[in-house]
């Protein structure tokens, strides 16, 4: 990252940290905002007498699509600077 002109590692780390703080604040102060996560059709829940297994397949696909769109938009904006 230090090789790219105009991009400093400290700036990138600060942006990542601010994003983590923002997600943490949303989880803390608006917990119902993510109530859909894990409750979509396609998420697998198996419960036995002494064990539980949760496989959020559909939720992870949704998160993957959202992150892909965000990263691509950031890349487009970054290239046009």
N, C-alpha and C. Protein backbone atom coordinates (compact mmCIF):
# COMPACT_ATOMS: atom_id res chain seq x y z
N UNK A 1 0.81 -1.19 0.00
CA UNK A 1 0.00 0.00 0.00
C UNK A 1 0.85 1.25 0.00
N UNK A 2 2.03 1.14 0.57
CA UNK A 2 2.91 2.29 0.56
C UNK A 2 3.45 2.56 -0.84
N UNK A 3 3.34 1.58 -1.74
CA UNK A 3 3.82 1.76 -3.11
C UNK A 3 2.83 2.53 -3.97
N UNK A 4 1.57 2.55 -3.58
CA UNK A 4 0.58 3.28 -4.37
C UNK A 4 0.67 4.77 -4.07
N UNK A 5 0.65 5.59 -5.09
CA UNK A 5 0.75 7.03 -4.84
C UNK A 5 -0.51 7.55 -4.14
N UNK A 6 -0.32 8.31 -3.08
CA UNK A 6 -1.43 8.93 -2.38
C UNK A 6 -2.12 8.02 -1.37
N UNK A 7 -1.63 6.79 -1.21
CA UNK A 7 -2.25 5.86 -0.27
C UNK A 7 -1.24 5.55 0.82
N UNK A 8 -1.63 5.82 2.05
CA UNK A 8 -0.75 5.53 3.17
C UNK A 8 -1.40 4.46 4.04
N UNK A 9 -0.57 3.57 4.55
CA UNK A 9 -1.05 2.46 5.36
C UNK A 9 -1.83 2.96 6.57
N UNK A 10 -1.37 4.01 7.20
CA UNK A 10 -2.06 4.55 8.36
C UNK A 10 -3.48 5.00 8.04
N UNK A 11 -3.66 5.63 6.89
CA UNK A 11 -5.00 6.07 6.47
C UNK A 11 -5.93 4.88 6.26
N UNK A 12 -5.41 3.83 5.62
CA UNK A 12 -6.22 2.64 5.37
C UNK A 12 -6.60 1.98 6.69
N UNK A 13 -5.65 1.86 7.61
CA UNK A 13 -5.94 1.26 8.91
C UNK A 13 -6.96 2.07 9.70
N UNK A 14 -6.89 3.39 9.60
CA UNK A 14 -7.88 4.24 10.28
C UNK A 14 -9.27 4.04 9.69
N UNK A 15 -9.38 3.91 8.38
CA UNK A 15 -10.67 3.67 7.75
C UNK A 15 -11.24 2.31 8.15
N UNK A 16 -10.39 1.30 8.20
CA UNK A 16 -10.85 -0.03 8.63
C UNK A 16 -11.32 0.03 10.07
N UNK A 17 -10.56 0.70 10.93
CA UNK A 17 -10.95 0.84 12.33
C UNK A 17 -12.26 1.59 12.49
N UNK A 18 -12.45 2.65 11.71
CA UNK A 18 -13.70 3.41 11.78
C UNK A 18 -14.88 2.55 11.34
N UNK A 19 -14.66 1.70 10.34
CA UNK A 19 -15.72 0.79 9.89
C UNK A 19 -16.08 -0.22 10.97
N UNK A 20 -15.07 -0.74 11.66
CA UNK A 20 -15.33 -1.69 12.75
C UNK A 20 -16.08 -1.02 13.88
N UNK A 21 -15.71 0.21 14.22
CA UNK A 21 -16.41 0.96 15.28
C UNK A 21 -17.86 1.21 14.87
N UNK A 22 -18.09 1.56 13.61
CA UNK A 22 -19.44 1.81 13.13
C UNK A 22 -20.31 0.55 13.22
N UNK A 23 -19.78 -0.58 12.80
CA UNK A 23 -20.54 -1.84 12.88
C UNK A 23 -20.79 -2.19 14.35
N UNK A 24 -19.80 -2.01 15.21
CA UNK A 24 -19.97 -2.27 16.63
C UNK A 24 -21.04 -1.40 17.26
N UNK A 25 -21.06 -0.11 16.88
CA UNK A 25 -22.08 0.81 17.40
C UNK A 25 -23.47 0.40 16.92
N UNK A 26 -23.58 -0.02 15.67
CA UNK A 26 -24.87 -0.48 15.16
C UNK A 26 -25.34 -1.72 15.91
N UNK A 27 -24.43 -2.65 16.16
CA UNK A 27 -24.81 -3.86 16.89
C UNK A 27 -25.19 -3.54 18.33
N UNK A 28 -24.55 -2.55 18.91
CA UNK A 28 -24.80 -2.20 20.31
C UNK A 28 -26.11 -1.42 20.48
N UNK A 29 -26.33 -0.42 19.63
CA UNK A 29 -27.45 0.49 19.82
C UNK A 29 -28.67 0.19 18.95
N UNK A 30 -28.52 -0.66 17.95
CA UNK A 30 -29.66 -1.04 17.10
C UNK A 30 -29.59 -2.54 16.83
N UNK A 31 -29.73 -3.38 17.86
CA UNK A 31 -29.56 -4.82 17.66
C UNK A 31 -30.62 -5.43 16.74
N UNK A 32 -31.79 -4.84 16.66
CA UNK A 32 -32.84 -5.36 15.79
C UNK A 32 -32.55 -5.17 14.31
N UNK A 33 -31.57 -4.32 14.00
CA UNK A 33 -31.22 -4.04 12.62
C UNK A 33 -30.69 -5.29 11.91
N UNK A 34 -30.04 -6.17 12.67
CA UNK A 34 -29.49 -7.39 12.09
C UNK A 34 -30.28 -8.63 12.51
N UNK A 35 -31.56 -8.47 12.83
CA UNK A 35 -32.39 -9.59 13.25
C UNK A 35 -32.63 -10.60 12.14
N UNK A 36 -32.49 -10.19 10.89
CA UNK A 36 -32.69 -11.07 9.75
C UNK A 36 -31.56 -12.08 9.62
N UNK A 37 -30.38 -11.70 10.13
CA UNK A 37 -29.20 -12.55 9.94
C UNK A 37 -29.38 -13.88 10.66
N UNK A 38 -29.29 -14.96 9.91
CA UNK A 38 -29.43 -16.28 10.48
C UNK A 38 -30.85 -16.81 10.45
N UNK A 39 -31.79 -16.01 9.99
CA UNK A 39 -33.18 -16.45 9.95
C UNK A 39 -33.73 -16.50 8.52
N UNK A 40 -32.86 -16.52 7.54
CA UNK A 40 -33.29 -16.57 6.15
C UNK A 40 -33.57 -18.00 5.72
N UNK A 41 -34.43 -18.19 4.71
CA UNK A 41 -34.62 -19.54 4.19
C UNK A 41 -33.29 -20.04 3.60
N UNK A 42 -32.92 -21.23 3.92
CA UNK A 42 -31.64 -21.78 3.46
C UNK A 42 -30.60 -21.84 4.56
N UNK A 43 -30.82 -21.14 5.66
CA UNK A 43 -29.94 -21.25 6.82
C UNK A 43 -30.30 -22.53 7.56
N UNK A 44 -29.30 -23.32 7.88
CA UNK A 44 -29.54 -24.65 8.44
C UNK A 44 -29.31 -24.63 9.95
N UNK A 45 -30.30 -25.12 10.68
CA UNK A 45 -30.19 -25.29 12.14
C UNK A 45 -30.50 -26.74 12.47
N UNK A 46 -29.56 -27.37 13.14
CA UNK A 46 -29.75 -28.73 13.61
C UNK A 46 -29.56 -28.72 15.12
N UNK A 47 -30.56 -29.22 15.84
CA UNK A 47 -30.48 -29.24 17.29
C UNK A 47 -30.73 -30.65 17.78
N UNK A 48 -29.80 -31.14 18.57
CA UNK A 48 -29.94 -32.44 19.19
C UNK A 48 -30.13 -32.26 20.69
N UNK A 49 -30.03 -33.35 21.42
CA UNK A 49 -30.20 -33.27 22.87
C UNK A 49 -29.06 -32.52 23.53
N UNK A 50 -27.84 -32.74 23.05
CA UNK A 50 -26.70 -32.10 23.70
C UNK A 50 -25.85 -31.27 22.75
N UNK A 51 -26.34 -31.01 21.55
CA UNK A 51 -25.55 -30.24 20.61
C UNK A 51 -26.44 -29.41 19.70
N UNK A 52 -25.83 -28.36 19.18
CA UNK A 52 -26.51 -27.50 18.20
C UNK A 52 -25.53 -27.18 17.08
N UNK A 53 -26.02 -27.19 15.85
CA UNK A 53 -25.22 -26.83 14.69
C UNK A 53 -25.99 -25.79 13.90
N UNK A 54 -25.31 -24.71 13.55
CA UNK A 54 -25.93 -23.63 12.79
C UNK A 54 -25.04 -23.33 11.60
N UNK A 55 -25.61 -23.43 10.39
CA UNK A 55 -24.87 -23.17 9.16
C UNK A 55 -25.63 -22.11 8.37
N UNK A 56 -25.20 -20.84 8.46
CA UNK A 56 -25.94 -19.74 7.80
C UNK A 56 -25.57 -19.58 6.33
N UNK A 57 -25.93 -20.55 5.49
CA UNK A 57 -25.54 -20.53 4.08
C UNK A 57 -26.11 -19.30 3.37
N UNK A 58 -27.40 -19.09 3.43
CA UNK A 58 -28.04 -17.98 2.72
C UNK A 58 -27.58 -16.63 3.26
N UNK A 59 -27.45 -16.52 4.56
CA UNK A 59 -26.99 -15.26 5.16
C UNK A 59 -25.58 -14.92 4.69
N UNK A 60 -24.70 -15.91 4.58
CA UNK A 60 -23.34 -15.66 4.12
C UNK A 60 -23.30 -15.27 2.65
N UNK A 61 -24.21 -15.83 1.85
CA UNK A 61 -24.29 -15.44 0.44
C UNK A 61 -24.71 -13.97 0.33
N UNK A 62 -25.69 -13.55 1.14
CA UNK A 62 -26.14 -12.15 1.13
C UNK A 62 -25.00 -11.23 1.56
N UNK A 63 -24.30 -11.59 2.63
CA UNK A 63 -23.17 -10.77 3.10
C UNK A 63 -22.09 -10.70 2.03
N UNK A 64 -21.81 -11.82 1.35
CA UNK A 64 -20.81 -11.84 0.29
C UNK A 64 -21.19 -10.91 -0.86
N UNK A 65 -22.45 -10.91 -1.25
CA UNK A 65 -22.91 -10.03 -2.33
C UNK A 65 -22.77 -8.57 -1.92
N UNK A 66 -23.17 -8.24 -0.70
CA UNK A 66 -23.08 -6.86 -0.21
C UNK A 66 -21.63 -6.40 -0.18
N UNK A 67 -20.73 -7.22 0.37
CA UNK A 67 -19.32 -6.85 0.43
C UNK A 67 -18.70 -6.73 -0.96
N UNK A 68 -19.09 -7.60 -1.89
CA UNK A 68 -18.58 -7.52 -3.25
C UNK A 68 -18.98 -6.20 -3.91
N UNK A 69 -20.23 -5.81 -3.74
CA UNK A 69 -20.69 -4.54 -4.32
C UNK A 69 -19.95 -3.37 -3.70
N UNK A 70 -19.79 -3.37 -2.38
CA UNK A 70 -19.10 -2.26 -1.69
C UNK A 70 -17.64 -2.17 -2.15
N UNK A 71 -16.94 -3.30 -2.19
CA UNK A 71 -15.53 -3.28 -2.60
C UNK A 71 -15.39 -2.83 -4.05
N UNK A 72 -16.28 -3.28 -4.92
CA UNK A 72 -16.22 -2.85 -6.32
C UNK A 72 -16.50 -1.36 -6.47
N UNK A 73 -17.46 -0.84 -5.71
CA UNK A 73 -17.73 0.61 -5.76
C UNK A 73 -16.53 1.41 -5.27
N UNK A 74 -15.90 0.94 -4.20
CA UNK A 74 -14.71 1.63 -3.70
C UNK A 74 -13.60 1.59 -4.75
N UNK A 75 -13.45 0.44 -5.42
CA UNK A 75 -12.44 0.34 -6.48
C UNK A 75 -12.71 1.28 -7.64
N UNK A 76 -13.96 1.41 -8.02
CA UNK A 76 -14.32 2.32 -9.12
C UNK A 76 -14.03 3.77 -8.72
N UNK A 77 -14.42 4.13 -7.52
CA UNK A 77 -14.18 5.50 -7.04
C UNK A 77 -12.68 5.76 -6.95
N UNK A 78 -11.92 4.78 -6.45
CA UNK A 78 -10.49 4.93 -6.27
C UNK A 78 -9.78 5.13 -7.60
N UNK A 79 -10.19 4.36 -8.63
CA UNK A 79 -9.56 4.46 -9.94
C UNK A 79 -9.85 5.79 -10.63
N UNK A 80 -10.98 6.39 -10.34
CA UNK A 80 -11.37 7.64 -10.99
C UNK A 80 -10.79 8.87 -10.33
N UNK A 81 -9.99 8.69 -9.27
CA UNK A 81 -9.40 9.85 -8.60
C UNK A 81 -8.29 10.43 -9.41
